[in-house]
């Protein structure tokens, strides 16, 4: 069965954003080109790791003699995107992700796959004729400046959650906090 690929080669917008209040936020990776928009849910940790790994790739490329891909050391100000998510219709919840570099187009590549439940009774005859059970994935290719801006925004979104307790380091909730200090 072929996989339905939501592909964005040069997206107009690619951001991580949230819906909900700190402590109960849902994180989304949202990509748009023209009127085509895809939003996939992911975990806070996936978001943070994605930003860190994108910066690692870009920082490694900066060390290449002559910086042939024009990788910016910082975030280009004209690419900063602090706008809210657009209308969110969740395509899928992310399970596995892949991250890479395409030297032929000088783009960072993100692949995202949904969480899959292995059904022991699964067979291809059980698929709907309209393809409702067709496997899918998100494939995003973004230029280096966009990738740097994406990583910066993602770190800011992740860091905008609940503040940490200065004693135990666990998040402080709006309705209180029971500090669990280690016994001495």
N, C-alpha and C. Protein backbone atom coordinates (compact mmCIF):
# COMPACT_ATOMS: atom_id res chain seq x y z
N UNK A 1 0.85 -1.17 0.00
CA UNK A 1 0.00 0.00 0.00
C UNK A 1 0.90 1.23 0.00
N UNK A 2 0.70 2.14 -0.94
CA UNK A 2 1.52 3.35 -0.99
C UNK A 2 1.19 4.29 0.18
N UNK A 3 2.21 4.99 0.61
CA UNK A 3 2.07 5.95 1.68
C UNK A 3 1.67 7.30 1.11
N UNK A 4 0.70 7.97 1.76
CA UNK A 4 0.32 9.33 1.37
C UNK A 4 1.36 10.27 1.98
N UNK A 5 2.10 10.96 1.12
CA UNK A 5 3.15 11.86 1.58
C UNK A 5 2.66 13.30 1.48
N UNK A 6 2.68 14.00 2.61
CA UNK A 6 2.37 15.42 2.65
C UNK A 6 3.73 16.11 2.48
N UNK A 7 4.05 16.51 1.25
CA UNK A 7 5.38 17.02 0.95
C UNK A 7 5.37 18.53 0.76
N UNK A 8 6.35 19.18 1.38
CA UNK A 8 6.53 20.61 1.27
C UNK A 8 8.00 20.85 0.92
N UNK A 9 8.26 21.20 -0.34
CA UNK A 9 9.63 21.37 -0.80
C UNK A 9 10.21 22.74 -0.45
N UNK A 10 9.46 23.80 -0.58
CA UNK A 10 9.88 25.16 -0.24
C UNK A 10 8.71 25.83 0.46
N UNK A 11 8.43 25.47 1.72
CA UNK A 11 7.22 25.96 2.39
C UNK A 11 7.23 27.47 2.59
N UNK A 12 6.02 28.04 2.54
CA UNK A 12 5.85 29.46 2.87
C UNK A 12 6.01 29.67 4.37
N UNK A 13 5.62 28.67 5.14
CA UNK A 13 5.69 28.76 6.59
C UNK A 13 5.90 27.38 7.18
N UNK A 14 6.80 27.28 8.16
CA UNK A 14 7.00 26.05 8.92
C UNK A 14 7.35 26.46 10.34
N UNK A 15 6.48 26.07 11.29
CA UNK A 15 6.63 26.50 12.69
C UNK A 15 6.17 25.40 13.64
N UNK A 16 6.66 25.50 14.88
CA UNK A 16 6.09 24.74 15.98
C UNK A 16 5.34 25.74 16.83
N UNK A 17 4.13 25.38 17.21
CA UNK A 17 3.31 26.22 18.07
C UNK A 17 2.50 25.33 18.99
N UNK A 18 1.75 25.97 19.88
CA UNK A 18 0.97 25.20 20.85
C UNK A 18 -0.46 25.70 20.93
N UNK A 19 -1.30 24.82 21.43
CA UNK A 19 -2.68 25.17 21.78
C UNK A 19 -2.87 24.69 23.21
N UNK A 20 -3.42 25.56 24.04
CA UNK A 20 -3.67 25.21 25.44
C UNK A 20 -2.82 26.03 26.38
N UNK A 21 -3.05 25.81 27.66
CA UNK A 21 -2.33 26.55 28.70
C UNK A 21 -1.11 25.74 29.14
N UNK A 22 -0.07 26.43 29.66
CA UNK A 22 1.11 25.70 30.13
C UNK A 22 0.72 24.59 31.11
N UNK A 23 1.28 23.44 30.88
CA UNK A 23 0.95 22.26 31.68
C UNK A 23 -0.07 21.37 31.00
N UNK A 24 -0.79 21.96 30.02
CA UNK A 24 -1.79 21.19 29.27
C UNK A 24 -1.75 21.61 27.79
N UNK A 25 -0.55 21.92 27.31
CA UNK A 25 -0.41 22.35 25.92
C UNK A 25 -0.25 21.15 24.99
N UNK A 26 -0.74 21.32 23.78
CA UNK A 26 -0.49 20.37 22.72
C UNK A 26 0.41 21.07 21.72
N UNK A 27 1.51 20.43 21.37
CA UNK A 27 2.48 20.98 20.43
C UNK A 27 2.15 20.52 19.02
N UNK A 28 2.28 21.43 18.07
CA UNK A 28 2.03 21.13 16.67
C UNK A 28 3.17 21.61 15.80
N UNK A 29 3.54 20.79 14.84
CA UNK A 29 4.41 21.21 13.75
C UNK A 29 3.45 21.54 12.61
N UNK A 30 3.47 22.80 12.17
CA UNK A 30 2.54 23.24 11.13
C UNK A 30 3.32 23.74 9.93
N UNK A 31 2.92 23.28 8.75
CA UNK A 31 3.59 23.65 7.51
C UNK A 31 2.53 24.12 6.51
N UNK A 32 2.88 25.20 5.78
CA UNK A 32 1.94 25.73 4.79
C UNK A 32 2.69 26.16 3.55
N UNK A 33 2.11 25.82 2.41
CA UNK A 33 2.50 26.35 1.12
C UNK A 33 1.21 26.75 0.43
N UNK A 34 1.05 28.05 0.14
CA UNK A 34 -0.19 28.52 -0.46
C UNK A 34 -1.36 28.21 0.45
N UNK A 35 -2.33 27.47 -0.09
CA UNK A 35 -3.50 27.10 0.71
C UNK A 35 -3.38 25.70 1.33
N UNK A 36 -2.33 24.96 0.97
CA UNK A 36 -2.11 23.63 1.54
C UNK A 36 -1.47 23.79 2.91
N UNK A 37 -2.14 23.26 3.94
CA UNK A 37 -1.62 23.37 5.30
C UNK A 37 -1.77 22.02 5.99
N UNK A 38 -0.72 21.62 6.70
CA UNK A 38 -0.74 20.37 7.45
C UNK A 38 -0.24 20.66 8.86
N UNK A 39 -0.95 20.14 9.85
CA UNK A 39 -0.58 20.26 11.26
C UNK A 39 -0.49 18.87 11.85
N UNK A 40 0.66 18.57 12.45
CA UNK A 40 0.82 17.28 13.11
C UNK A 40 1.17 17.53 14.57
N UNK A 41 0.61 16.73 15.45
CA UNK A 41 0.86 16.86 16.88
C UNK A 41 2.17 16.16 17.22
N UNK A 42 2.92 16.76 18.15
CA UNK A 42 4.12 16.11 18.64
C UNK A 42 4.32 16.44 20.10
N UNK A 43 5.22 15.74 20.72
CA UNK A 43 5.50 15.93 22.14
C UNK A 43 6.44 17.11 22.33
N UNK A 44 6.40 17.69 23.49
CA UNK A 44 7.29 18.80 23.83
C UNK A 44 8.75 18.37 23.65
N UNK A 45 9.08 17.18 24.10
CA UNK A 45 10.45 16.69 23.99
C UNK A 45 10.87 16.50 22.54
N UNK A 46 9.94 16.05 21.69
CA UNK A 46 10.25 15.91 20.27
C UNK A 46 10.54 17.28 19.66
N UNK A 47 9.76 18.27 20.06
CA UNK A 47 9.96 19.63 19.56
C UNK A 47 11.33 20.16 19.95
N UNK A 48 11.67 20.01 21.23
CA UNK A 48 12.96 20.50 21.73
C UNK A 48 14.12 19.80 21.05
N UNK A 49 14.03 18.50 20.91
CA UNK A 49 15.11 17.73 20.28
C UNK A 49 15.25 18.10 18.81
N UNK A 50 14.13 18.31 18.13
CA UNK A 50 14.16 18.71 16.73
C UNK A 50 14.91 20.03 16.56
N UNK A 51 14.60 21.02 17.41
CA UNK A 51 15.30 22.31 17.34
C UNK A 51 16.79 22.14 17.61
N UNK A 52 17.15 21.37 18.62
CA UNK A 52 18.56 21.16 18.95
C UNK A 52 19.31 20.49 17.80
N UNK A 53 18.72 19.47 17.22
CA UNK A 53 19.39 18.73 16.15
C UNK A 53 19.51 19.56 14.87
N UNK A 54 18.50 20.40 14.59
CA UNK A 54 18.60 21.28 13.42
C UNK A 54 19.77 22.24 13.62
N UNK A 55 19.88 22.83 14.80
CA UNK A 55 21.00 23.73 15.07
C UNK A 55 22.34 22.99 14.98
N UNK A 56 22.39 21.75 15.44
CA UNK A 56 23.63 20.97 15.34
C UNK A 56 24.04 20.79 13.88
N UNK A 57 23.08 20.43 13.03
CA UNK A 57 23.37 20.26 11.60
C UNK A 57 23.89 21.57 11.00
N UNK A 58 23.19 22.67 11.29
CA UNK A 58 23.59 23.97 10.73
C UNK A 58 24.95 24.41 11.27
N UNK A 59 25.20 24.17 12.55
CA UNK A 59 26.50 24.54 13.13
C UNK A 59 27.63 23.72 12.52
N UNK A 60 27.38 22.45 12.23
CA UNK A 60 28.39 21.62 11.56
C UNK A 60 28.66 22.14 10.16
N UNK A 61 27.61 22.55 9.45
CA UNK A 61 27.79 23.07 8.10
C UNK A 61 28.57 24.38 8.09
N UNK A 62 28.45 25.16 9.18
CA UNK A 62 29.22 26.41 9.30
C UNK A 62 30.72 26.15 9.31
N UNK A 63 31.12 24.97 9.78
CA UNK A 63 32.55 24.66 9.88
C UNK A 63 33.14 24.20 8.56
N UNK A 64 32.30 23.98 7.55
CA UNK A 64 32.80 23.56 6.24
C UNK A 64 33.56 24.73 5.62
N UNK A 65 34.71 24.45 5.10
CA UNK A 65 35.57 25.48 4.51
C UNK A 65 34.81 26.34 3.51
N UNK A 66 34.76 27.63 3.79
CA UNK A 66 34.12 28.58 2.88
C UNK A 66 32.61 28.68 3.02
N UNK A 67 31.99 27.89 3.91
CA UNK A 67 30.54 27.91 4.12
C UNK A 67 29.80 27.97 2.77
N UNK A 68 29.95 26.94 1.94
CA UNK A 68 29.38 26.97 0.59
C UNK A 68 27.85 27.04 0.54
N UNK A 69 27.19 26.74 1.64
CA UNK A 69 25.72 26.75 1.66
C UNK A 69 25.15 28.02 2.26
N UNK A 70 26.00 28.99 2.57
CA UNK A 70 25.58 30.27 3.16
C UNK A 70 24.73 30.08 4.41
N UNK A 71 25.19 29.22 5.29
CA UNK A 71 24.48 28.94 6.54
C UNK A 71 24.65 30.13 7.48
N UNK A 72 23.55 30.72 7.93
CA UNK A 72 23.67 31.84 8.86
C UNK A 72 24.06 31.36 10.26
N UNK A 73 24.91 32.12 10.94
CA UNK A 73 25.31 31.77 12.30
C UNK A 73 24.18 32.05 13.28
N UNK A 74 23.37 33.06 12.98
CA UNK A 74 22.23 33.41 13.82
C UNK A 74 20.96 33.37 13.01
N UNK A 75 19.86 33.77 13.65
CA UNK A 75 18.57 33.76 12.98
C UNK A 75 18.40 35.02 12.14
N UNK A 76 18.18 34.88 10.83
CA UNK A 76 17.92 36.06 10.00
C UNK A 76 16.63 36.75 10.47
N UNK A 77 16.73 38.02 10.82
CA UNK A 77 15.61 38.76 11.41
C UNK A 77 14.38 38.75 10.50
N UNK A 78 14.58 38.78 9.19
CA UNK A 78 13.45 38.80 8.27
C UNK A 78 12.69 37.47 8.22
N UNK A 79 13.27 36.42 8.81
CA UNK A 79 12.61 35.11 8.82
C UNK A 79 11.95 34.78 10.15
N UNK A 80 12.06 35.67 11.13
CA UNK A 80 11.43 35.44 12.43
C UNK A 80 9.92 35.41 12.26
N UNK A 81 9.28 34.38 12.80
CA UNK A 81 7.83 34.20 12.70
C UNK A 81 7.28 33.98 14.11
N UNK A 82 6.65 35.01 14.66
CA UNK A 82 6.08 34.91 16.00
C UNK A 82 4.56 34.86 15.98
N UNK A 83 3.98 34.63 14.80
CA UNK A 83 2.53 34.57 14.69
C UNK A 83 1.98 33.27 15.27
N UNK A 84 0.71 33.31 15.64
CA UNK A 84 0.02 32.13 16.15
C UNK A 84 -0.10 31.07 15.05
N UNK A 85 -0.40 29.85 15.47
CA UNK A 85 -0.70 28.80 14.50
C UNK A 85 -1.94 29.21 13.71
N UNK A 86 -1.98 28.77 12.46
CA UNK A 86 -3.19 28.98 11.68
C UNK A 86 -4.20 27.92 12.11
N UNK A 87 -5.38 27.92 11.52
CA UNK A 87 -6.41 26.94 11.90
C UNK A 87 -5.81 25.54 11.92
N UNK A 88 -5.92 24.88 13.07
CA UNK A 88 -5.29 23.57 13.26
C UNK A 88 -6.31 22.47 13.07
N UNK A 89 -6.01 21.60 12.13
CA UNK A 89 -6.75 20.36 11.96
C UNK A 89 -5.69 19.26 11.98
N UNK A 90 -5.60 18.55 13.10
CA UNK A 90 -4.52 17.58 13.29
C UNK A 90 -4.59 16.47 12.25
N UNK A 91 -3.49 16.31 11.51
CA UNK A 91 -3.38 15.26 10.50
C UNK A 91 -3.07 13.92 11.16
N UNK A 92 -2.09 13.95 12.08
CA UNK A 92 -1.76 12.75 12.85
C UNK A 92 -0.88 13.15 14.03
N UNK A 93 -0.73 12.21 14.97
CA UNK A 93 0.16 12.40 16.11
C UNK A 93 1.48 11.72 15.76
N UNK A 94 2.56 12.46 15.93
CA UNK A 94 3.87 12.00 15.49
C UNK A 94 4.44 10.91 16.39
N UNK A 95 4.95 9.88 15.74
CA UNK A 95 5.68 8.82 16.42
C UNK A 95 7.16 9.01 16.13
N UNK A 96 7.62 8.43 15.04
CA UNK A 96 9.03 8.52 14.65
C UNK A 96 9.28 9.75 13.79
N UNK A 97 10.49 10.27 13.92
CA UNK A 97 10.90 11.41 13.10
C UNK A 97 12.29 11.14 12.55
N UNK A 98 12.54 11.73 11.39
CA UNK A 98 13.87 11.67 10.81
C UNK A 98 14.31 13.08 10.47
N UNK A 99 15.61 13.32 10.52
CA UNK A 99 16.15 14.64 10.21
C UNK A 99 17.41 14.45 9.40
N UNK A 100 17.55 15.26 8.37
CA UNK A 100 18.74 15.11 7.54
C UNK A 100 19.08 16.38 6.79
N UNK A 101 20.08 16.27 5.94
CA UNK A 101 20.58 17.37 5.14
C UNK A 101 20.64 16.91 3.69
N UNK A 102 20.08 17.72 2.78
CA UNK A 102 20.12 17.43 1.35
C UNK A 102 21.10 18.41 0.71
N UNK A 103 22.32 17.96 0.40
CA UNK A 103 23.32 18.87 -0.16
C UNK A 103 22.99 19.33 -1.58
N UNK A 104 22.15 18.58 -2.28
CA UNK A 104 21.82 18.97 -3.65
C UNK A 104 20.91 20.19 -3.70
N UNK A 105 20.10 20.40 -2.66
CA UNK A 105 19.22 21.57 -2.61
C UNK A 105 19.57 22.52 -1.47
N UNK A 106 20.58 22.16 -0.66
CA UNK A 106 20.99 22.94 0.51
C UNK A 106 19.81 23.17 1.45
N UNK A 107 19.12 22.06 1.77
CA UNK A 107 17.96 22.15 2.64
C UNK A 107 18.04 21.12 3.78
N UNK A 108 17.48 21.53 4.92
CA UNK A 108 17.28 20.61 6.04
C UNK A 108 15.99 19.85 5.74
N UNK A 109 16.00 18.55 5.98
CA UNK A 109 14.86 17.69 5.67
C UNK A 109 14.32 17.07 6.95
N UNK A 110 13.00 17.25 7.16
CA UNK A 110 12.32 16.65 8.30
C UNK A 110 11.33 15.62 7.76
N UNK A 111 11.37 14.44 8.33
CA UNK A 111 10.37 13.41 8.04
C UNK A 111 9.65 13.09 9.34
N UNK A 112 8.33 13.02 9.29
CA UNK A 112 7.54 12.68 10.47
C UNK A 112 6.54 11.60 10.10
N UNK A 113 6.46 10.61 10.96
CA UNK A 113 5.57 9.47 10.75
C UNK A 113 4.61 9.36 11.93
N UNK A 114 3.39 8.93 11.69
CA UNK A 114 2.43 8.82 12.79
C UNK A 114 2.76 7.65 13.73
N UNK A 115 2.25 7.77 14.94
CA UNK A 115 2.32 6.65 15.87
C UNK A 115 1.50 5.53 15.25
N UNK A 116 2.06 4.35 15.25
CA UNK A 116 1.33 3.24 14.66
C UNK A 116 1.00 2.21 15.73
N UNK A 117 -0.21 1.73 15.65
CA UNK A 117 -0.64 0.64 16.51
C UNK A 117 -0.59 -0.63 15.68
N UNK A 118 0.13 -1.61 16.16
CA UNK A 118 0.21 -2.87 15.44
C UNK A 118 -1.03 -3.68 15.78
N UNK A 119 -1.82 -3.97 14.77
CA UNK A 119 -3.04 -4.74 14.94
C UNK A 119 -2.79 -6.15 14.44
N UNK A 120 -2.83 -7.15 15.32
CA UNK A 120 -2.55 -8.53 14.89
C UNK A 120 -3.58 -9.05 13.89
N UNK A 121 -4.78 -8.45 13.86
CA UNK A 121 -5.82 -8.88 12.94
C UNK A 121 -5.83 -8.06 11.65
N UNK A 122 -4.80 -7.23 11.43
CA UNK A 122 -4.75 -6.35 10.26
C UNK A 122 -4.58 -7.16 8.98
N UNK A 123 -5.34 -6.78 7.99
CA UNK A 123 -5.10 -7.29 6.64
C UNK A 123 -5.55 -6.21 5.66
N UNK A 124 -4.98 -6.24 4.47
CA UNK A 124 -5.25 -5.17 3.51
C UNK A 124 -6.70 -5.13 3.06
N UNK A 125 -7.42 -6.24 3.16
CA UNK A 125 -8.83 -6.23 2.76
C UNK A 125 -9.68 -5.39 3.71
N UNK A 126 -9.16 -5.12 4.92
CA UNK A 126 -9.94 -4.36 5.89
C UNK A 126 -9.90 -2.85 5.62
N UNK A 127 -9.11 -2.41 4.66
CA UNK A 127 -9.01 -0.99 4.35
C UNK A 127 -10.29 -0.49 3.69
N UNK A 128 -10.67 0.73 4.01
CA UNK A 128 -11.82 1.36 3.38
C UNK A 128 -11.49 1.67 1.93
N UNK A 129 -12.52 1.68 1.09
CA UNK A 129 -12.31 2.00 -0.32
C UNK A 129 -11.86 3.44 -0.51
N UNK A 130 -12.23 4.33 0.41
CA UNK A 130 -11.81 5.72 0.27
C UNK A 130 -10.40 5.96 0.79
N UNK A 131 -9.72 4.89 1.23
CA UNK A 131 -8.33 5.00 1.66
C UNK A 131 -8.15 5.58 3.04
N UNK A 132 -9.15 5.47 3.90
CA UNK A 132 -9.09 6.07 5.23
C UNK A 132 -7.93 5.53 6.06
N UNK A 133 -7.52 4.30 5.81
CA UNK A 133 -6.44 3.70 6.60
C UNK A 133 -5.10 3.75 5.87
N UNK A 134 -4.98 4.59 4.87
CA UNK A 134 -3.74 4.70 4.11
C UNK A 134 -2.66 5.29 5.02
N UNK A 135 -1.49 4.66 5.09
CA UNK A 135 -0.43 5.22 5.91
C UNK A 135 0.02 6.57 5.33
N UNK A 136 0.48 7.45 6.20
CA UNK A 136 0.89 8.77 5.73
C UNK A 136 2.14 9.23 6.44
N UNK A 137 2.74 10.28 5.91
CA UNK A 137 3.94 10.88 6.49
C UNK A 137 4.02 12.33 6.07
N UNK A 138 4.81 13.10 6.79
CA UNK A 138 5.07 14.49 6.45
C UNK A 138 6.53 14.60 6.04
N UNK A 139 6.79 15.26 4.91
CA UNK A 139 8.14 15.48 4.42
C UNK A 139 8.31 16.97 4.17
N UNK A 140 9.21 17.60 4.92
CA UNK A 140 9.42 19.04 4.83
C UNK A 140 10.89 19.29 4.48
N UNK A 141 11.10 20.11 3.47
CA UNK A 141 12.44 20.55 3.09
C UNK A 141 12.47 22.06 3.27
N UNK A 142 13.43 22.55 4.05
CA UNK A 142 13.50 24.00 4.27
C UNK A 142 14.93 24.51 4.12
N UNK A 143 15.06 25.69 3.55
CA UNK A 143 16.39 26.27 3.39
C UNK A 143 17.02 26.62 4.74
N UNK A 144 18.32 26.87 4.73
CA UNK A 144 19.07 27.02 5.97
C UNK A 144 18.59 28.19 6.83
N UNK A 145 18.26 29.32 6.24
CA UNK A 145 17.78 30.46 7.02
C UNK A 145 16.47 30.16 7.70
N UNK A 146 15.56 29.54 6.96
CA UNK A 146 14.26 29.14 7.52
C UNK A 146 14.46 28.12 8.64
N UNK A 147 15.40 27.19 8.44
CA UNK A 147 15.67 26.17 9.46
C UNK A 147 16.20 26.81 10.73
N UNK A 148 17.07 27.82 10.59
CA UNK A 148 17.62 28.50 11.77
C UNK A 148 16.50 29.23 12.52
N UNK A 149 15.62 29.91 11.77
CA UNK A 149 14.49 30.62 12.40
C UNK A 149 13.52 29.62 13.05
N UNK A 150 13.29 28.48 12.40
CA UNK A 150 12.43 27.44 12.93
C UNK A 150 12.96 26.95 14.28
N UNK A 151 14.25 26.67 14.35
CA UNK A 151 14.86 26.16 15.58
C UNK A 151 14.75 27.19 16.71
N UNK A 152 14.99 28.45 16.41
CA UNK A 152 14.90 29.51 17.42
C UNK A 152 13.49 29.62 17.97
N UNK A 153 12.51 29.67 17.08
CA UNK A 153 11.12 29.79 17.54
C UNK A 153 10.73 28.56 18.36
N UNK A 154 11.12 27.39 17.91
CA UNK A 154 10.76 26.16 18.61
C UNK A 154 11.31 26.17 20.03
N UNK A 155 12.57 26.58 20.20
CA UNK A 155 13.15 26.66 21.56
C UNK A 155 12.36 27.65 22.42
N UNK A 156 11.94 28.77 21.84
CA UNK A 156 11.16 29.76 22.59
C UNK A 156 9.80 29.20 23.00
N UNK A 157 9.15 28.49 22.09
CA UNK A 157 7.83 27.90 22.39
C UNK A 157 7.97 26.85 23.49
N UNK A 158 8.98 26.00 23.39
CA UNK A 158 9.19 24.97 24.41
C UNK A 158 9.48 25.62 25.76
N UNK A 159 10.28 26.68 25.77
CA UNK A 159 10.66 27.34 27.01
C UNK A 159 9.57 28.20 27.63
N UNK A 160 8.48 28.41 26.92
CA UNK A 160 7.40 29.27 27.42
C UNK A 160 6.40 28.53 28.29
N UNK A 161 6.74 27.35 28.72
CA UNK A 161 5.83 26.56 29.56
C UNK A 161 5.88 26.98 31.01
N UNK A 162 5.53 26.06 31.87
CA UNK A 162 5.51 26.33 33.31
C UNK A 162 6.91 26.59 33.84
N UNK A 163 7.04 27.53 34.75
CA UNK A 163 8.37 27.77 35.35
C UNK A 163 8.76 26.59 36.24
N UNK A 164 10.07 26.41 36.41
CA UNK A 164 10.57 25.32 37.24
C UNK A 164 10.73 25.77 38.69
N UNK A 165 10.48 24.86 39.59
CA UNK A 165 10.69 25.11 41.03
C UNK A 165 12.19 25.29 41.27
N UNK A 166 12.54 26.33 42.01
CA UNK A 166 13.96 26.60 42.27
C UNK A 166 14.58 25.58 43.22
N UNK A 167 13.74 24.83 43.94
CA UNK A 167 14.25 23.84 44.89
C UNK A 167 14.39 22.45 44.29
N UNK A 168 13.35 21.99 43.60
CA UNK A 168 13.38 20.61 43.10
C UNK A 168 13.50 20.51 41.58
N UNK A 169 13.23 21.61 40.89
CA UNK A 169 13.36 21.60 39.44
C UNK A 169 12.14 21.13 38.69
N UNK A 170 11.14 20.61 39.39
CA UNK A 170 9.91 20.17 38.72
C UNK A 170 9.06 21.38 38.36
N UNK A 171 8.18 21.24 37.36
CA UNK A 171 7.35 22.38 36.94
C UNK A 171 6.38 22.82 38.03
N UNK A 172 6.18 24.14 38.10
CA UNK A 172 5.21 24.71 39.04
C UNK A 172 3.86 24.81 38.34
N UNK A 173 2.83 24.25 38.95
CA UNK A 173 1.49 24.33 38.39
C UNK A 173 0.78 25.56 38.93
N UNK A 174 -0.20 26.05 38.17
CA UNK A 174 -0.98 27.22 38.59
C UNK A 174 -1.77 26.93 39.86
N UNK A 175 -2.16 25.67 40.06
CA UNK A 175 -2.98 25.32 41.22
C UNK A 175 -2.14 24.78 42.39
N UNK A 176 -0.84 25.00 42.39
CA UNK A 176 0.00 24.60 43.51
C UNK A 176 1.10 23.64 43.11
N UNK A 177 1.95 23.36 44.08
CA UNK A 177 3.11 22.51 43.82
C UNK A 177 3.55 21.85 45.11
N UNK A 178 3.76 20.57 45.08
CA UNK A 178 4.29 19.85 46.23
C UNK A 178 5.74 19.55 45.89
N UNK A 179 6.64 20.22 46.59
CA UNK A 179 8.06 20.09 46.32
C UNK A 179 8.56 18.76 46.90
N UNK A 180 9.25 18.01 46.07
CA UNK A 180 9.78 16.72 46.50
C UNK A 180 11.28 16.81 46.58
N UNK A 181 11.76 17.36 47.67
CA UNK A 181 13.20 17.49 47.87
C UNK A 181 13.78 16.15 48.31
N UNK A 182 14.96 15.82 47.81
CA UNK A 182 15.59 14.56 48.26
C UNK A 182 15.98 14.68 49.73
N UNK A 183 15.84 13.57 50.45
CA UNK A 183 16.20 13.57 51.85
C UNK A 183 17.72 13.57 52.00
N UNK A 184 18.19 14.29 53.02
CA UNK A 184 19.65 14.41 53.24
C UNK A 184 20.06 13.49 54.35
